[in-house]
């Protein structure tokens, strides 16, 4: 039976992961902004077999509230086996270009606030000398494309932070997984003109995430073919890349 903390627990991918763990009798602390939605998810997970599905409301951008959430999670679980960090938004690139305050707000939500949370989280796991920290970044962080470079830059910062954190915590018995999904059919992407064959379901991505945590993978591209797609995009020469509409 695993003790699991899920931050951003109302996201489609996080819910799908939580259901996998609930079926195995996990004890879970669910963290997100929407208290009503958290209660619904908690009831669903309990029905699916979770031994505990405690809820804690948190706005990830409220940095002063992070410590109270961590204290609550430790009090509920005592020892933490897995932390899944899944909050995020999909910014409107045009709005970010037009208004610097929008750009900064979206960058903070997708990078700065997560780094602020991961810092004390890492210290808790380091003190235990065991556990896994799995964080959802994005393939968008692999290269700055004109269509979403604000979002991509935030995810690049997050991925780089996680790379350093992985090397630090490895020596303490703690594993760090960077998760890089491609296109996923979620409410966040609803209405976007996504290429159907490249779009995965939350259940597919969740299965990949749970397996990657169990196998202690360092970086997960999900679905698998995004590793090859992003390798090609990263290697397009700059003189061609800046002319492309990506």
C-alpha atoms as a PDB file:
ATOM      1  CA  UNK A   1       0.000   0.000   0.000  1.00  0.00           C
ATOM      2  CA  UNK A   2       1.528   3.304  -1.112  1.00  0.00           C
ATOM      3  CA  UNK A   3       1.215   6.722   0.489  1.00  0.00           C
ATOM      4  CA  UNK A   4       0.778   9.286  -2.270  1.00  0.00           C
ATOM      5  CA  UNK A   5       0.431  13.076  -2.499  1.00  0.00           C
ATOM      6  CA  UNK A   6      -1.093  14.467  -5.697  1.00  0.00           C
ATOM      7  CA  UNK A   7      -0.783  18.216  -6.240  1.00  0.00           C
ATOM      8  CA  UNK A   8      -3.003  19.503  -9.022  1.00  0.00           C
ATOM      9  CA  UNK A   9      -5.284  16.567  -8.317  1.00  0.00           C
ATOM     10  CA  UNK A  10      -8.206  17.869 -10.396  1.00  0.00           C
ATOM     11  CA  UNK A  11      -6.315  17.654 -13.693  1.00  0.00           C
ATOM     12  CA  UNK A  12      -7.396  14.878 -16.050  1.00  0.00           C
ATOM     13  CA  UNK A  13      -3.987  13.170 -15.994  1.00  0.00           C
ATOM     14  CA  UNK A  14      -3.754  13.355 -12.198  1.00  0.00           C
ATOM     15  CA  UNK A  15      -7.240  11.865 -11.800  1.00  0.00           C
ATOM     16  CA  UNK A  16      -6.350   8.991 -14.132  1.00  0.00           C
ATOM     17  CA  UNK A  17      -3.173   8.287 -12.122  1.00  0.00           C
ATOM     18  CA  UNK A  18      -5.088   8.480  -8.847  1.00  0.00           C
ATOM     19  CA  UNK A  19      -7.567   5.891 -10.087  1.00  0.00           C
ATOM     20  CA  UNK A  20      -4.755   3.474 -10.907  1.00  0.00           C
ATOM     21  CA  UNK A  21      -3.322   3.870  -7.415  1.00  0.00           C
ATOM     22  CA  UNK A  22      -6.762   3.710  -5.743  1.00  0.00           C
ATOM     23  CA  UNK A  23      -7.405   0.323  -7.320  1.00  0.00           C
ATOM     24  CA  UNK A  24      -4.254  -0.878  -5.531  1.00  0.00           C
ATOM     25  CA  UNK A  25      -5.486   0.371  -2.148  1.00  0.00           C
ATOM     26  CA  UNK A  26      -3.283   3.470  -1.914  1.00  0.00           C
ATOM     27  CA  UNK A  27      -3.608   6.182   0.722  1.00  0.00           C
ATOM     28  CA  UNK A  28      -3.826   9.520  -1.058  1.00  0.00           C
ATOM     29  CA  UNK A  29      -3.759  13.210  -0.157  1.00  0.00           C
ATOM     30  CA  UNK A  30      -5.391  15.251  -2.933  1.00  0.00           C
ATOM     31  CA  UNK A  31      -4.356  18.887  -3.361  1.00  0.00           C
ATOM     32  CA  UNK A  32      -5.957  21.454  -5.689  1.00  0.00           C
ATOM     33  CA  UNK A  33      -7.777  24.797  -5.744  1.00  0.00           C
ATOM     34  CA  UNK A  34     -11.333  23.565  -6.291  1.00  0.00           C
ATOM     35  CA  UNK A  35     -12.656  22.130  -3.035  1.00  0.00           C
ATOM     36  CA  UNK A  36     -15.948  20.902  -4.474  1.00  0.00           C
ATOM     37  CA  UNK A  37     -14.193  19.025  -7.275  1.00  0.00           C
ATOM     38  CA  UNK A  38     -11.703  17.572  -4.791  1.00  0.00           C
ATOM     39  CA  UNK A  39     -14.573  16.148  -2.730  1.00  0.00           C
ATOM     40  CA  UNK A  40     -16.029  14.487  -5.828  1.00  0.00           C
ATOM     41  CA  UNK A  41     -12.684  12.946  -6.737  1.00  0.00           C
ATOM     42  CA  UNK A  42     -12.147  11.782  -3.155  1.00  0.00           C
ATOM     43  CA  UNK A  43     -15.497   9.948  -3.160  1.00  0.00           C
ATOM     44  CA  UNK A  44     -14.690   8.345  -6.515  1.00  0.00           C
ATOM     45  CA  UNK A  45     -11.286   7.135  -5.321  1.00  0.00           C
ATOM     46  CA  UNK A  46     -12.718   5.706  -2.112  1.00  0.00           C
ATOM     47  CA  UNK A  47     -15.264   3.773  -4.144  1.00  0.00           C
ATOM     48  CA  UNK A  48     -12.428   2.439  -6.294  1.00  0.00           C
ATOM     49  CA  UNK A  49     -10.491   1.082  -3.311  1.00  0.00           C
ATOM     50  CA  UNK A  50      -8.387   3.909  -1.892  1.00  0.00           C
ATOM     51  CA  UNK A  51      -7.742   3.413   1.833  1.00  0.00           C
ATOM     52  CA  UNK A  52      -7.581   7.189   2.316  1.00  0.00           C
ATOM     53  CA  UNK A  53      -8.500  10.096   0.024  1.00  0.00           C
ATOM     54  CA  UNK A  54      -7.936  13.246   2.073  1.00  0.00           C
ATOM     55  CA  UNK A  55      -8.439  16.685   0.490  1.00  0.00           C
ATOM     56  CA  UNK A  56      -6.519  19.942   0.891  1.00  0.00           C
ATOM     57  CA  UNK A  57      -7.336  23.156  -0.957  1.00  0.00           C
ATOM     58  CA  UNK A  58      -4.330  25.043  -2.280  1.00  0.00           C
ATOM     59  CA  UNK A  59      -3.729  27.695  -4.894  1.00  0.00           C
ATOM     60  CA  UNK A  60      -0.247  26.839  -6.176  1.00  0.00           C
ATOM     61  CA  UNK A  61       0.481  30.559  -6.640  1.00  0.00           C
ATOM     62  CA  UNK A  62      -0.044  31.212  -2.920  1.00  0.00           C
ATOM     63  CA  UNK A  63       3.521  30.444  -1.916  1.00  0.00           C
ATOM     64  CA  UNK A  64       2.889  31.154   1.775  1.00  0.00           C
ATOM     65  CA  UNK A  65       0.327  28.314   1.870  1.00  0.00           C
ATOM     66  CA  UNK A  66       2.722  25.606   0.663  1.00  0.00           C
ATOM     67  CA  UNK A  67       4.117  24.771   4.104  1.00  0.00           C
ATOM     68  CA  UNK A  68       0.691  24.183   5.648  1.00  0.00           C
ATOM     69  CA  UNK A  69      -0.189  21.781   2.847  1.00  0.00           C
ATOM     70  CA  UNK A  70       3.029  19.816   3.323  1.00  0.00           C
ATOM     71  CA  UNK A  71       2.500  19.668   7.073  1.00  0.00           C
ATOM     72  CA  UNK A  72      -1.018  18.326   6.488  1.00  0.00           C
ATOM     73  CA  UNK A  73       0.223  15.690   4.035  1.00  0.00           C
ATOM     74  CA  UNK A  74       2.928  14.474   6.409  1.00  0.00           C
ATOM     75  CA  UNK A  75       0.443  14.377   9.287  1.00  0.00           C
ATOM     76  CA  UNK A  76      -2.015  12.311   7.216  1.00  0.00           C
ATOM     77  CA  UNK A  77       0.495   9.888   5.706  1.00  0.00           C
ATOM     78  CA  UNK A  78       3.500  10.001   8.094  1.00  0.00           C
ATOM     79  CA  UNK A  79       5.723   8.627   5.325  1.00  0.00           C
ATOM     80  CA  UNK A  80       5.361   9.596   1.633  1.00  0.00           C
ATOM     81  CA  UNK A  81       6.131   7.103  -1.127  1.00  0.00           C
ATOM     82  CA  UNK A  82       5.155   9.134  -4.208  1.00  0.00           C
ATOM     83  CA  UNK A  83       4.443  12.787  -4.928  1.00  0.00           C
ATOM     84  CA  UNK A  84       2.839  13.623  -8.271  1.00  0.00           C
ATOM     85  CA  UNK A  85       2.994  17.329  -9.124  1.00  0.00           C
ATOM     86  CA  UNK A  86       0.562  18.163 -11.916  1.00  0.00           C
ATOM     87  CA  UNK A  87      -0.658  21.802 -11.773  1.00  0.00           C
ATOM     88  CA  UNK A  88      -0.432  23.957 -14.858  1.00  0.00           C
ATOM     89  CA  UNK A  89      -2.205  26.211 -17.320  1.00  0.00           C
ATOM     90  CA  UNK A  90      -2.036  26.516 -21.099  1.00  0.00           C
ATOM     91  CA  UNK A  91      -1.398  30.218 -21.705  1.00  0.00           C
ATOM     92  CA  UNK A  92      -2.709  32.205 -24.641  1.00  0.00           C
ATOM     93  CA  UNK A  93       0.548  33.097 -26.396  1.00  0.00           C
ATOM     94  CA  UNK A  94      -0.957  36.187 -28.055  1.00  0.00           C
ATOM     95  CA  UNK A  95      -2.191  37.494 -24.702  1.00  0.00           C
ATOM     96  CA  UNK A  96       1.277  36.946 -23.222  1.00  0.00           C
ATOM     97  CA  UNK A  97       2.831  38.896 -26.078  1.00  0.00           C
ATOM     98  CA  UNK A  98       0.407  41.772 -25.631  1.00  0.00           C
ATOM     99  CA  UNK A  99       0.613  42.126 -21.843  1.00  0.00           C
ATOM    100  CA  UNK A 100       3.748  41.564 -19.796  1.00  0.00           C
ATOM    101  CA  UNK A 101       1.717  41.058 -16.607  1.00  0.00           C
ATOM    102  CA  UNK A 102      -0.097  38.124 -18.230  1.00  0.00           C
ATOM    103  CA  UNK A 103       3.209  36.656 -19.368  1.00  0.00           C
ATOM    104  CA  UNK A 104       4.706  36.898 -15.879  1.00  0.00           C
ATOM    105  CA  UNK A 105       1.588  35.468 -14.230  1.00  0.00           C
ATOM    106  CA  UNK A 106       1.521  32.466 -16.549  1.00  0.00           C
ATOM    107  CA  UNK A 107       5.259  31.875 -16.178  1.00  0.00           C
ATOM    108  CA  UNK A 108       4.899  31.983 -12.414  1.00  0.00           C
ATOM    109  CA  UNK A 109       2.075  29.422 -12.413  1.00  0.00           C
ATOM    110  CA  UNK A 110       3.872  27.043 -14.764  1.00  0.00           C
ATOM    111  CA  UNK A 111       7.400  27.379 -13.363  1.00  0.00           C
ATOM    112  CA  UNK A 112       8.123  29.661 -10.406  1.00  0.00           C
ATOM    113  CA  UNK A 113       5.294  28.446  -8.148  1.00  0.00           C
ATOM    114  CA  UNK A 114       6.122  24.819  -8.905  1.00  0.00           C
ATOM    115  CA  UNK A 115       9.801  25.347  -8.135  1.00  0.00           C
ATOM    116  CA  UNK A 116       8.777  27.038  -4.880  1.00  0.00           C
ATOM    117  CA  UNK A 117       6.698  23.982  -3.949  1.00  0.00           C
ATOM    118  CA  UNK A 118       9.269  21.429  -5.077  1.00  0.00           C
ATOM    119  CA  UNK A 119      11.948  22.941  -2.850  1.00  0.00           C
ATOM    120  CA  UNK A 120      10.359  22.041   0.519  1.00  0.00           C
ATOM    121  CA  UNK A 121       8.881  18.857  -0.980  1.00  0.00           C
ATOM    122  CA  UNK A 122      12.384  17.740  -1.893  1.00  0.00           C
ATOM    123  CA  UNK A 123      13.564  18.464   1.622  1.00  0.00           C
ATOM    124  CA  UNK A 124      10.794  16.298   3.124  1.00  0.00           C
ATOM    125  CA  UNK A 125      11.684  13.359   0.878  1.00  0.00           C
ATOM    126  CA  UNK A 126      15.386  13.890   1.459  1.00  0.00           C
ATOM    127  CA  UNK A 127      14.773  13.703   5.200  1.00  0.00           C
ATOM    128  CA  UNK A 128      12.977  10.372   4.720  1.00  0.00           C
ATOM    129  CA  UNK A 129      15.762   9.100   2.445  1.00  0.00           C
ATOM    130  CA  UNK A 130      13.234   7.410   0.179  1.00  0.00           C
ATOM    131  CA  UNK A 131      10.328   8.204  -2.135  1.00  0.00           C
ATOM    132  CA  UNK A 132       9.646   9.317  -5.691  1.00  0.00           C
ATOM    133  CA  UNK A 133       8.898  12.797  -6.957  1.00  0.00           C
ATOM    134  CA  UNK A 134       7.128  12.817 -10.350  1.00  0.00           C
ATOM    135  CA  UNK A 135       6.505  16.181 -12.014  1.00  0.00           C
ATOM    136  CA  UNK A 136       4.560  16.942 -15.174  1.00  0.00           C
ATOM    137  CA  UNK A 137       6.514  19.223 -17.482  1.00  0.00           C
ATOM    138  CA  UNK A 138       5.936  19.176 -21.268  1.00  0.00           C
ATOM    139  CA  UNK A 139       7.541  18.440 -24.618  1.00  0.00           C
ATOM    140  CA  UNK A 140       7.033  22.172 -25.218  1.00  0.00           C
ATOM    141  CA  UNK A 141      10.068  22.829 -23.028  1.00  0.00           C
ATOM    142  CA  UNK A 142      12.404  21.080 -25.478  1.00  0.00           C
ATOM    143  CA  UNK A 143      12.500  24.009 -27.894  1.00  0.00           C
ATOM    144  CA  UNK A 144      11.019  27.495 -27.983  1.00  0.00           C
ATOM    145  CA  UNK A 145       8.418  27.478 -30.745  1.00  0.00           C
ATOM    146  CA  UNK A 146       6.646  30.696 -31.866  1.00  0.00           C
ATOM    147  CA  UNK A 147       3.205  29.274 -31.122  1.00  0.00           C
ATOM    148  CA  UNK A 148       3.783  28.730 -27.386  1.00  0.00           C
ATOM    149  CA  UNK A 149       7.197  29.977 -26.322  1.00  0.00           C
ATOM    150  CA  UNK A 150       5.965  31.464 -23.025  1.00  0.00           C
ATOM    151  CA  UNK A 151       4.621  28.088 -21.953  1.00  0.00           C
ATOM    152  CA  UNK A 152       7.659  26.342 -23.424  1.00  0.00           C
ATOM    153  CA  UNK A 153      10.102  28.570 -21.571  1.00  0.00           C
ATOM    154  CA  UNK A 154       8.329  27.896 -18.274  1.00  0.00           C
ATOM    155  CA  UNK A 155       8.483  24.136 -18.853  1.00  0.00           C
ATOM    156  CA  UNK A 156      12.132  24.370 -19.920  1.00  0.00           C
ATOM    157  CA  UNK A 157      12.938  26.096 -16.635  1.00  0.00           C
ATOM    158  CA  UNK A 158      11.015  23.438 -14.721  1.00  0.00           C
ATOM    159  CA  UNK A 159      12.723  20.560 -16.559  1.00  0.00           C
ATOM    160  CA  UNK A 160      16.180  22.018 -15.941  1.00  0.00           C
ATOM    161  CA  UNK A 161      15.385  22.475 -12.263  1.00  0.00           C
ATOM    162  CA  UNK A 162      14.266  18.846 -12.066  1.00  0.00           C
ATOM    163  CA  UNK A 163      17.446  17.626 -13.753  1.00  0.00           C
ATOM    164  CA  UNK A 164      19.561  19.230 -11.060  1.00  0.00           C
ATOM    165  CA  UNK A 165      17.201  18.093  -8.317  1.00  0.00           C
ATOM    166  CA  UNK A 166      17.394  14.519  -9.622  1.00  0.00           C
ATOM    167  CA  UNK A 167      21.167  14.456  -9.317  1.00  0.00           C
ATOM    168  CA  UNK A 168      21.020  15.948  -5.827  1.00  0.00           C
ATOM    169  CA  UNK A 169      18.350  13.600  -4.445  1.00  0.00           C
ATOM    170  CA  UNK A 170      19.707  10.449  -6.092  1.00  0.00           C
ATOM    171  CA  UNK A 171      22.443  10.449  -3.474  1.00  0.00           C
ATOM    172  CA  UNK A 172      19.759  10.486  -0.751  1.00  0.00           C
ATOM    173  CA  UNK A 173      17.699   7.576  -2.067  1.00  0.00           C
ATOM    174  CA  UNK A 174      14.980   9.741  -3.636  1.00  0.00           C
ATOM    175  CA  UNK A 175      13.998   9.413  -7.290  1.00  0.00           C
ATOM    176  CA  UNK A 176      12.897  12.318  -9.514  1.00  0.00           C
ATOM    177  CA  UNK A 177      10.916  11.733 -12.706  1.00  0.00           C
ATOM    178  CA  UNK A 178      10.359  14.443 -15.321  1.00  0.00           C
ATOM    179  CA  UNK A 179       7.177  13.764 -17.301  1.00  0.00           C
ATOM    180  CA  UNK A 180       6.935  15.222 -20.804  1.00  0.00           C
ATOM    181  CA  UNK A 181       3.510  14.598 -22.328  1.00  0.00           C
ATOM    182  CA  UNK A 182       2.699  15.544 -25.884  1.00  0.00           C
ATOM    183  CA  UNK A 183      -0.869  16.305 -26.938  1.00  0.00           C
ATOM    184  CA  UNK A 184      -3.411  14.910 -24.442  1.00  0.00           C
ATOM    185  CA  UNK A 185      -7.207  15.071 -24.739  1.00  0.00           C
ATOM    186  CA  UNK A 186      -8.053  17.045 -21.588  1.00  0.00           C
ATOM    187  CA  UNK A 187     -10.327  19.987 -20.760  1.00  0.00           C
ATOM    188  CA  UNK A 188      -7.238  22.220 -21.011  1.00  0.00           C
ATOM    189  CA  UNK A 189      -6.753  21.324 -24.701  1.00  0.00           C
ATOM    190  CA  UNK A 190     -10.446  21.155 -25.625  1.00  0.00           C
ATOM    191  CA  UNK A 191     -11.154  23.143 -28.765  1.00  0.00           C
ATOM    192  CA  UNK A 192      -7.561  23.268 -29.961  1.00  0.00           C
ATOM    193  CA  UNK A 193      -6.896  22.052 -33.525  1.00  0.00           C
ATOM    194  CA  UNK A 194      -4.742  19.092 -32.482  1.00  0.00           C
ATOM    195  CA  UNK A 195      -3.602  16.373 -34.919  1.00  0.00           C
ATOM    196  CA  UNK A 196      -5.772  13.395 -34.003  1.00  0.00           C
ATOM    197  CA  UNK A 197      -3.212  10.595 -34.460  1.00  0.00           C
ATOM    198  CA  UNK A 198      -0.835  12.318 -32.017  1.00  0.00           C
ATOM    199  CA  UNK A 199      -3.414  12.906 -29.262  1.00  0.00           C
ATOM    200  CA  UNK A 200      -3.337  10.538 -26.277  1.00  0.00           C
ATOM    201  CA  UNK A 201      -5.971   9.866 -23.633  1.00  0.00           C
ATOM    202  CA  UNK A 202      -5.360  10.705 -19.968  1.00  0.00           C
ATOM    203  CA  UNK A 203      -5.633   6.988 -19.154  1.00  0.00           C
ATOM    204  CA  UNK A 204      -2.839   6.137 -21.593  1.00  0.00           C
ATOM    205  CA  UNK A 205      -0.579   8.835 -20.164  1.00  0.00           C
ATOM    206  CA  UNK A 206      -1.417   7.799 -16.593  1.00  0.00           C
ATOM    207  CA  UNK A 207      -0.441   4.202 -17.300  1.00  0.00           C
ATOM    208  CA  UNK A 208       2.896   5.394 -18.671  1.00  0.00           C
ATOM    209  CA  UNK A 209       3.467   7.597 -15.611  1.00  0.00           C
ATOM    210  CA  UNK A 210       2.717   4.886 -13.049  1.00  0.00           C
ATOM    211  CA  UNK A 211       5.027   2.431 -14.841  1.00  0.00           C
ATOM    212  CA  UNK A 212       7.790   5.035 -15.142  1.00  0.00           C
ATOM    213  CA  UNK A 213       7.642   5.736 -11.400  1.00  0.00           C
ATOM    214  CA  UNK A 214       7.802   2.029 -10.592  1.00  0.00           C
ATOM    215  CA  UNK A 215      10.748   1.555 -12.968  1.00  0.00           C
ATOM    216  CA  UNK A 216      12.525   4.697 -11.687  1.00  0.00           C
ATOM    217  CA  UNK A 217      12.853   6.280 -15.104  1.00  0.00           C
ATOM    218  CA  UNK A 218      14.499   9.682 -15.244  1.00  0.00           C
ATOM    219  CA  UNK A 219      12.556  11.273 -18.110  1.00  0.00           C
ATOM    220  CA  UNK A 220       9.295  10.049 -19.617  1.00  0.00           C
ATOM    221  CA  UNK A 221       8.059  11.131 -23.037  1.00  0.00           C
ATOM    222  CA  UNK A 222       4.445  10.061 -23.320  1.00  0.00           C
ATOM    223  CA  UNK A 223       3.271   8.608 -25.583  1.00  0.00           C
ATOM    224  CA  UNK A 224       6.661   7.113 -26.487  1.00  0.00           C
ATOM    225  CA  UNK A 225       6.842   8.542 -30.027  1.00  0.00           C
ATOM    226  CA  UNK A 226       7.252  12.097 -28.711  1.00  0.00           C
ATOM    227  CA  UNK A 227      10.870  11.352 -27.878  1.00  0.00           C
ATOM    228  CA  UNK A 228      11.587  10.933 -31.595  1.00  0.00           C
ATOM    229  CA  UNK A 229       9.425  13.875 -32.657  1.00  0.00           C
ATOM    230  CA  UNK A 230      11.173  16.231 -30.261  1.00  0.00           C
ATOM    231  CA  UNK A 231      14.611  14.917 -31.254  1.00  0.00           C
ATOM    232  CA  UNK A 232      13.822  15.985 -34.820  1.00  0.00           C
ATOM    233  CA  UNK A 233      12.474  19.384 -33.753  1.00  0.00           C
ATOM    234  CA  UNK A 234      15.485  20.065 -31.508  1.00  0.00           C
ATOM    235  CA  UNK A 235      17.845  19.363 -34.412  1.00  0.00           C
ATOM    236  CA  UNK A 236      16.225  21.551 -37.052  1.00  0.00           C
ATOM    237  CA  UNK A 237      18.875  24.181 -37.933  1.00  0.00           C
ATOM    238  CA  UNK A 238      18.113  27.632 -36.562  1.00  0.00           C
ATOM    239  CA  UNK A 239      18.051  29.273 -39.994  1.00  0.00           C
ATOM    240  CA  UNK A 240      15.201  26.928 -40.978  1.00  0.00           C
ATOM    241  CA  UNK A 241      13.521  26.784 -37.580  1.00  0.00           C
ATOM    242  CA  UNK A 242      12.908  30.526 -37.388  1.00  0.00           C
ATOM    243  CA  UNK A 243      11.131  30.414 -40.742  1.00  0.00           C
ATOM    244  CA  UNK A 244       8.861  27.521 -39.761  1.00  0.00           C
ATOM    245  CA  UNK A 245       5.311  27.860 -38.480  1.00  0.00           C
ATOM    246  CA  UNK A 246       5.411  25.627 -35.423  1.00  0.00           C
END
